[in-house]
C-alpha atoms as a PDB file:
ATOM      1  CA  UNK A   1     -19.623  39.540   8.579  1.00  0.00           C
ATOM      2  CA  UNK A   2     -17.265  36.817   9.008  1.00  0.00           C
ATOM      3  CA  UNK A   3     -13.706  36.666   7.297  1.00  0.00           C
ATOM      4  CA  UNK A   4     -14.498  34.658   4.074  1.00  0.00           C
ATOM      5  CA  UNK A   5     -17.480  36.957   3.298  1.00  0.00           C
ATOM      6  CA  UNK A   6     -15.474  40.012   3.956  1.00  0.00           C
ATOM      7  CA  UNK A   7     -12.794  38.565   1.714  1.00  0.00           C
ATOM      8  CA  UNK A   8     -15.310  37.817  -1.153  1.00  0.00           C
ATOM      9  CA  UNK A   9     -16.889  41.260  -0.764  1.00  0.00           C
ATOM     10  CA  UNK A  10     -13.485  42.941  -1.007  1.00  0.00           C
ATOM     11  CA  UNK A  11     -12.501  40.804  -3.980  1.00  0.00           C
ATOM     12  CA  UNK A  12     -15.879  41.536  -5.739  1.00  0.00           C
ATOM     13  CA  UNK A  13     -15.079  45.256  -5.228  1.00  0.00           C
ATOM     14  CA  UNK A  14     -11.600  44.998  -6.667  1.00  0.00           C
ATOM     15  CA  UNK A  15     -12.620  42.887  -9.705  1.00  0.00           C
ATOM     16  CA  UNK A  16     -15.318  45.476 -10.584  1.00  0.00           C
ATOM     17  CA  UNK A  17     -12.919  48.312 -10.210  1.00  0.00           C
ATOM     18  CA  UNK A  18     -10.423  46.332 -12.483  1.00  0.00           C
ATOM     19  CA  UNK A  19     -13.123  45.768 -14.953  1.00  0.00           C
ATOM     20  CA  UNK A  20     -14.082  49.259 -15.127  1.00  0.00           C
ATOM     21  CA  UNK A  21     -10.384  50.310 -15.705  1.00  0.00           C
ATOM     22  CA  UNK A  22     -10.078  47.682 -18.464  1.00  0.00           C
ATOM     23  CA  UNK A  23     -13.145  48.929 -20.187  1.00  0.00           C
ATOM     24  CA  UNK A  24     -11.967  52.425 -20.161  1.00  0.00           C
ATOM     25  CA  UNK A  25     -13.824  54.196 -23.125  1.00  0.00           C
ATOM     26  CA  UNK A  26     -15.418  51.050 -24.602  1.00  0.00           C
ATOM     27  CA  UNK A  27     -19.169  51.291 -25.222  1.00  0.00           C
ATOM     28  CA  UNK A  28     -21.335  49.184 -23.054  1.00  0.00           C
ATOM     29  CA  UNK A  29     -22.556  47.238 -26.200  1.00  0.00           C
ATOM     30  CA  UNK A  30     -19.142  46.193 -26.941  1.00  0.00           C
ATOM     31  CA  UNK A  31     -18.038  45.643 -23.531  1.00  0.00           C
ATOM     32  CA  UNK A  32     -20.934  43.063 -22.818  1.00  0.00           C
ATOM     33  CA  UNK A  33     -19.720  40.587 -25.281  1.00  0.00           C
ATOM     34  CA  UNK A  34     -16.295  40.175 -23.260  1.00  0.00           C
ATOM     35  CA  UNK A  35     -18.307  40.150 -19.978  1.00  0.00           C
ATOM     36  CA  UNK A  36     -20.840  37.654 -21.172  1.00  0.00           C
ATOM     37  CA  UNK A  37     -18.000  35.466 -22.219  1.00  0.00           C
ATOM     38  CA  UNK A  38     -16.293  35.634 -18.987  1.00  0.00           C
ATOM     39  CA  UNK A  39     -19.464  34.820 -17.059  1.00  0.00           C
ATOM     40  CA  UNK A  40     -20.083  31.811 -19.263  1.00  0.00           C
ATOM     41  CA  UNK A  41     -16.309  30.679 -18.698  1.00  0.00           C
ATOM     42  CA  UNK A  42     -16.927  31.132 -14.904  1.00  0.00           C
ATOM     43  CA  UNK A  43     -20.078  29.125 -15.024  1.00  0.00           C
ATOM     44  CA  UNK A  44     -18.503  26.169 -17.044  1.00  0.00           C
ATOM     45  CA  UNK A  45     -15.484  26.447 -14.542  1.00  0.00           C
ATOM     46  CA  UNK A  46     -17.646  26.072 -11.473  1.00  0.00           C
ATOM     47  CA  UNK A  47     -19.913  23.550 -13.196  1.00  0.00           C
ATOM     48  CA  UNK A  48     -16.644  21.396 -13.878  1.00  0.00           C
ATOM     49  CA  UNK A  49     -15.367  21.745 -10.405  1.00  0.00           C
ATOM     50  CA  UNK A  50     -18.745  20.619  -8.819  1.00  0.00           C
ATOM     51  CA  UNK A  51     -18.900  17.515 -11.206  1.00  0.00           C
ATOM     52  CA  UNK A  52     -15.305  16.744 -10.555  1.00  0.00           C
ATOM     53  CA  UNK A  53     -15.906  16.709  -6.812  1.00  0.00           C
ATOM     54  CA  UNK A  54     -18.956  14.572  -7.285  1.00  0.00           C
ATOM     55  CA  UNK A  55     -16.896  12.107  -9.378  1.00  0.00           C
ATOM     56  CA  UNK A  56     -14.227  11.948  -6.998  1.00  0.00           C
ATOM     57  CA  UNK A  57     -16.484  11.007  -4.084  1.00  0.00           C
ATOM     58  CA  UNK A  58     -18.193   8.445  -6.391  1.00  0.00           C
ATOM     59  CA  UNK A  59     -14.815   7.038  -7.167  1.00  0.00           C
ATOM     60  CA  UNK A  60     -14.216   6.168  -3.536  1.00  0.00           C
ATOM     61  CA  UNK A  61     -17.673   4.688  -3.069  1.00  0.00           C
ATOM     62  CA  UNK A  62     -17.348   0.916  -3.321  1.00  0.00           C
ATOM     63  CA  UNK A  63     -20.944   0.584  -4.409  1.00  0.00           C
ATOM     64  CA  UNK A  64     -20.914   2.957  -7.374  1.00  0.00           C
ATOM     65  CA  UNK A  65     -19.982   2.146 -10.960  1.00  0.00           C
ATOM     66  CA  UNK A  66     -17.227   4.967 -10.912  1.00  0.00           C
ATOM     67  CA  UNK A  67     -15.485   3.190  -7.983  1.00  0.00           C
ATOM     68  CA  UNK A  68     -11.719   2.654  -8.682  1.00  0.00           C
ATOM     69  CA  UNK A  69      -9.986   0.084  -6.329  1.00  0.00           C
ATOM     70  CA  UNK A  70      -6.684   1.601  -5.231  1.00  0.00           C
ATOM     71  CA  UNK A  71      -5.287  -1.962  -5.454  1.00  0.00           C
ATOM     72  CA  UNK A  72      -6.018  -2.335  -9.137  1.00  0.00           C
ATOM     73  CA  UNK A  73      -3.683   0.789 -10.112  1.00  0.00           C
ATOM     74  CA  UNK A  74      -0.814   2.977  -8.924  1.00  0.00           C
ATOM     75  CA  UNK A  75      -2.491   6.404  -9.125  1.00  0.00           C
ATOM     76  CA  UNK A  76       0.638   8.519  -9.443  1.00  0.00           C
ATOM     77  CA  UNK A  77       2.529   6.153 -11.554  1.00  0.00           C
ATOM     78  CA  UNK A  78      -0.526   5.691 -14.091  1.00  0.00           C
ATOM     79  CA  UNK A  79      -1.106   9.359 -13.861  1.00  0.00           C
ATOM     80  CA  UNK A  80       2.425  10.167 -14.831  1.00  0.00           C
ATOM     81  CA  UNK A  81       2.306   7.689 -17.810  1.00  0.00           C
ATOM     82  CA  UNK A  82      -0.891   9.358 -19.051  1.00  0.00           C
ATOM     83  CA  UNK A  83       0.271  12.853 -18.670  1.00  0.00           C
ATOM     84  CA  UNK A  84       3.680  12.166 -20.361  1.00  0.00           C
ATOM     85  CA  UNK A  85       2.040  10.257 -23.224  1.00  0.00           C
ATOM     86  CA  UNK A  86      -0.351  13.336 -23.799  1.00  0.00           C
ATOM     87  CA  UNK A  87       2.473  15.769 -23.712  1.00  0.00           C
ATOM     88  CA  UNK A  88       4.587  13.487 -26.165  1.00  0.00           C
ATOM     89  CA  UNK A  89       1.509  13.393 -28.434  1.00  0.00           C
ATOM     90  CA  UNK A  90       0.805  17.069 -28.290  1.00  0.00           C
ATOM     91  CA  UNK A  91       4.316  17.924 -29.226  1.00  0.00           C
ATOM     92  CA  UNK A  92       4.158  15.780 -32.339  1.00  0.00           C
ATOM     93  CA  UNK A  93       0.822  16.743 -33.379  1.00  0.00           C
ATOM     94  CA  UNK A  94       1.118  20.583 -32.820  1.00  0.00           C
ATOM     95  CA  UNK A  95       2.460  22.825 -35.403  1.00  0.00           C
ATOM     96  CA  UNK A  96       6.085  23.847 -34.594  1.00  0.00           C
ATOM     97  CA  UNK A  97       7.130  27.448 -34.379  1.00  0.00           C
ATOM     98  CA  UNK A  98       9.668  28.479 -36.916  1.00  0.00           C
ATOM     99  CA  UNK A  99      13.104  27.099 -36.030  1.00  0.00           C
ATOM    100  CA  UNK A 100      11.786  24.743 -33.365  1.00  0.00           C
ATOM    101  CA  UNK A 101      12.060  21.265 -34.742  1.00  0.00           C
ATOM    102  CA  UNK A 102      11.376  18.004 -32.898  1.00  0.00           C
ATOM    103  CA  UNK A 103      11.481  17.275 -29.351  1.00  0.00           C
ATOM    104  CA  UNK A 104      13.417  19.067 -26.496  1.00  0.00           C
ATOM    105  CA  UNK A 105      16.416  17.449 -24.885  1.00  0.00           C
ATOM    106  CA  UNK A 106      15.415  14.349 -22.893  1.00  0.00           C
ATOM    107  CA  UNK A 107      11.786  14.285 -24.389  1.00  0.00           C
ATOM    108  CA  UNK A 108      10.398  11.034 -25.674  1.00  0.00           C
ATOM    109  CA  UNK A 109       8.336  11.082 -28.891  1.00  0.00           C
ATOM    110  CA  UNK A 110       4.859   9.801 -29.152  1.00  0.00           C
ATOM    111  CA  UNK A 111       4.095   6.350 -30.551  1.00  0.00           C
ATOM    112  CA  UNK A 112       0.951   4.282 -30.507  1.00  0.00           C
ATOM    113  CA  UNK A 113       0.874   1.541 -27.898  1.00  0.00           C
ATOM    114  CA  UNK A 114      -1.478  -1.238 -28.455  1.00  0.00           C
ATOM    115  CA  UNK A 115      -3.985  -1.527 -25.431  1.00  0.00           C
ATOM    116  CA  UNK A 116      -3.044   1.923 -24.167  1.00  0.00           C
ATOM    117  CA  UNK A 117      -3.077   4.690 -26.626  1.00  0.00           C
ATOM    118  CA  UNK A 118      -3.523   5.412 -30.240  1.00  0.00           C
ATOM    119  CA  UNK A 119      -3.467   8.599 -32.240  1.00  0.00           C
ATOM    120  CA  UNK A 120      -6.217   7.934 -34.766  1.00  0.00           C
ATOM    121  CA  UNK A 121      -6.675  10.121 -38.062  1.00  0.00           C
ATOM    122  CA  UNK A 122      -9.921  11.494 -39.118  1.00  0.00           C
ATOM    123  CA  UNK A 123     -10.040   8.942 -41.930  1.00  0.00           C
ATOM    124  CA  UNK A 124      -9.795   6.115 -39.477  1.00  0.00           C
ATOM    125  CA  UNK A 125     -12.641   7.683 -37.263  1.00  0.00           C
ATOM    126  CA  UNK A 126     -14.694   7.892 -40.555  1.00  0.00           C
ATOM    127  CA  UNK A 127     -13.915   4.423 -41.494  1.00  0.00           C
ATOM    128  CA  UNK A 128     -15.571   3.463 -38.053  1.00  0.00           C
ATOM    129  CA  UNK A 129     -18.665   5.675 -38.616  1.00  0.00           C
ATOM    130  CA  UNK A 130     -17.315   8.327 -36.247  1.00  0.00           C
ATOM    131  CA  UNK A 131     -17.752   5.885 -33.363  1.00  0.00           C
ATOM    132  CA  UNK A 132     -15.465   6.928 -30.683  1.00  0.00           C
ATOM    133  CA  UNK A 133     -15.248   3.794 -28.616  1.00  0.00           C
ATOM    134  CA  UNK A 134     -11.562   3.522 -27.598  1.00  0.00           C
ATOM    135  CA  UNK A 135     -11.384  -0.235 -28.199  1.00  0.00           C
ATOM    136  CA  UNK A 136     -11.917   0.246 -31.870  1.00  0.00           C
ATOM    137  CA  UNK A 137      -8.697   2.410 -32.186  1.00  0.00           C
ATOM    138  CA  UNK A 138      -6.384   1.272 -29.219  1.00  0.00           C
ATOM    139  CA  UNK A 139      -6.913  -2.484 -29.833  1.00  0.00           C
ATOM    140  CA  UNK A 140      -5.374  -5.111 -27.256  1.00  0.00           C
ATOM    141  CA  UNK A 141      -2.072  -5.191 -25.733  1.00  0.00           C
ATOM    142  CA  UNK A 142       0.230  -7.594 -27.343  1.00  0.00           C
ATOM    143  CA  UNK A 143       0.710 -10.867 -25.389  1.00  0.00           C
ATOM    144  CA  UNK A 144       4.042 -12.870 -25.398  1.00  0.00           C
ATOM    145  CA  UNK A 145       3.608 -16.264 -27.101  1.00  0.00           C
ATOM    146  CA  UNK A 146       4.038 -18.893 -24.366  1.00  0.00           C
ATOM    147  CA  UNK A 147       5.126 -21.460 -27.074  1.00  0.00           C
ATOM    148  CA  UNK A 148       2.288 -23.708 -26.414  1.00  0.00           C
ATOM    149  CA  UNK A 149       0.436 -24.509 -29.562  1.00  0.00           C
ATOM    150  CA  UNK A 150      -3.158 -23.266 -29.849  1.00  0.00           C
ATOM    151  CA  UNK A 151      -4.759 -26.574 -30.275  1.00  0.00           C
ATOM    152  CA  UNK A 152      -2.786 -27.922 -26.997  1.00  0.00           C
ATOM    153  CA  UNK A 153      -3.906 -24.789 -25.214  1.00  0.00           C
ATOM    154  CA  UNK A 154      -7.540 -25.372 -26.167  1.00  0.00           C
ATOM    155  CA  UNK A 155      -7.491 -29.099 -25.144  1.00  0.00           C
ATOM    156  CA  UNK A 156      -6.203 -28.138 -21.740  1.00  0.00           C
ATOM    157  CA  UNK A 157      -8.832 -25.248 -21.180  1.00  0.00           C
ATOM    158  CA  UNK A 158     -11.688 -27.495 -22.386  1.00  0.00           C
ATOM    159  CA  UNK A 159     -10.551 -30.164 -19.728  1.00  0.00           C
ATOM    160  CA  UNK A 160     -10.399 -27.514 -16.979  1.00  0.00           C
ATOM    161  CA  UNK A 161     -13.942 -26.168 -17.949  1.00  0.00           C
ATOM    162  CA  UNK A 162     -15.371 -29.694 -18.157  1.00  0.00           C
ATOM    163  CA  UNK A 163     -13.984 -30.439 -14.639  1.00  0.00           C
ATOM    164  CA  UNK A 164     -15.255 -26.993 -13.275  1.00  0.00           C
ATOM    165  CA  UNK A 165     -18.722 -28.023 -14.798  1.00  0.00           C
ATOM    166  CA  UNK A 166     -18.708 -31.287 -12.969  1.00  0.00           C
ATOM    167  CA  UNK A 167     -17.685 -29.566  -9.611  1.00  0.00           C
ATOM    168  CA  UNK A 168     -20.282 -26.982 -10.161  1.00  0.00           C
ATOM    169  CA  UNK A 169     -22.985 -29.889 -10.686  1.00  0.00           C
ATOM    170  CA  UNK A 170     -21.826 -31.752  -7.411  1.00  0.00           C
ATOM    171  CA  UNK A 171     -22.126 -28.397  -5.453  1.00  0.00           C
ATOM    172  CA  UNK A 172     -25.516 -27.735  -6.876  1.00  0.00           C
ATOM    173  CA  UNK A 173     -26.763 -31.004  -5.798  1.00  0.00           C
ATOM    174  CA  UNK A 174     -25.380 -30.672  -2.425  1.00  0.00           C
ATOM    175  CA  UNK A 175     -27.016 -27.223  -1.984  1.00  0.00           C
ATOM    176  CA  UNK A 176     -30.216 -28.596  -3.155  1.00  0.00           C
ATOM    177  CA  UNK A 177     -30.112 -31.478  -0.675  1.00  0.00           C
ATOM    178  CA  UNK A 178     -29.205 -29.162   2.253  1.00  0.00           C
ATOM    179  CA  UNK A 179     -31.935 -26.767   1.420  1.00  0.00           C
ATOM    180  CA  UNK A 180     -34.454 -29.715   1.053  1.00  0.00           C
ATOM    181  CA  UNK A 181     -33.173 -30.767   4.629  1.00  0.00           C
ATOM    182  CA  UNK A 182     -34.012 -27.353   5.981  1.00  0.00           C
ATOM    183  CA  UNK A 183     -37.467 -27.407   4.416  1.00  0.00           C
ATOM    184  CA  UNK A 184     -36.796 -25.308   1.588  1.00  0.00           C
ATOM    185  CA  UNK A 185     -36.911 -27.523  -1.490  1.00  0.00           C
ATOM    186  CA  UNK A 186     -35.810 -25.404  -4.621  1.00  0.00           C
ATOM    187  CA  UNK A 187     -38.208 -25.946  -7.535  1.00  0.00           C
ATOM    188  CA  UNK A 188     -36.942 -27.640 -10.683  1.00  0.00           C
ATOM    189  CA  UNK A 189     -35.957 -24.943 -13.305  1.00  0.00           C
ATOM    190  CA  UNK A 190     -35.892 -22.139 -10.848  1.00  0.00           C
ATOM    191  CA  UNK A 191     -39.686 -21.558 -10.914  1.00  0.00           C
ATOM    192  CA  UNK A 192     -42.649 -22.850  -8.872  1.00  0.00           C
END
């Protein structure tokens, strides 16, 4: 028997011995409820670990929908921001023990940040038909006004779009001519 198997066998024996001591004089009918709960908890924990490993491997696979390009985020910094925001929210949304008011020293209180986080009330969720799509609540990050009037900005963008359409048409025509020269004429409208 190899070392890991021996360790698991000894651990199993110790756990059963501890369970027998904890059970003491409890009737098996009562004891089974606690044991079944623990077995279920172990199953859920193992299932979570397996799924977490699957998602972690998919997150690194460039061809998968779960892929996260490391260039798009700073993992440690982003994680720290999310964790600290959660803890700030938890401190403000949890009941306080007697005498324990507010935040601890150096702790920052929670506040909604458009485009990042929002603590929605049950009434707000009900107004949206209990749909939990984050964008309905979080909204978009506020963008600083660049001082350019909307009409001027739209005129510039429309001109840029028209230029890009013209360039696209030229490129499409050149590609069609090159394909025809190679003996592969493209059918009009994309169908033969």
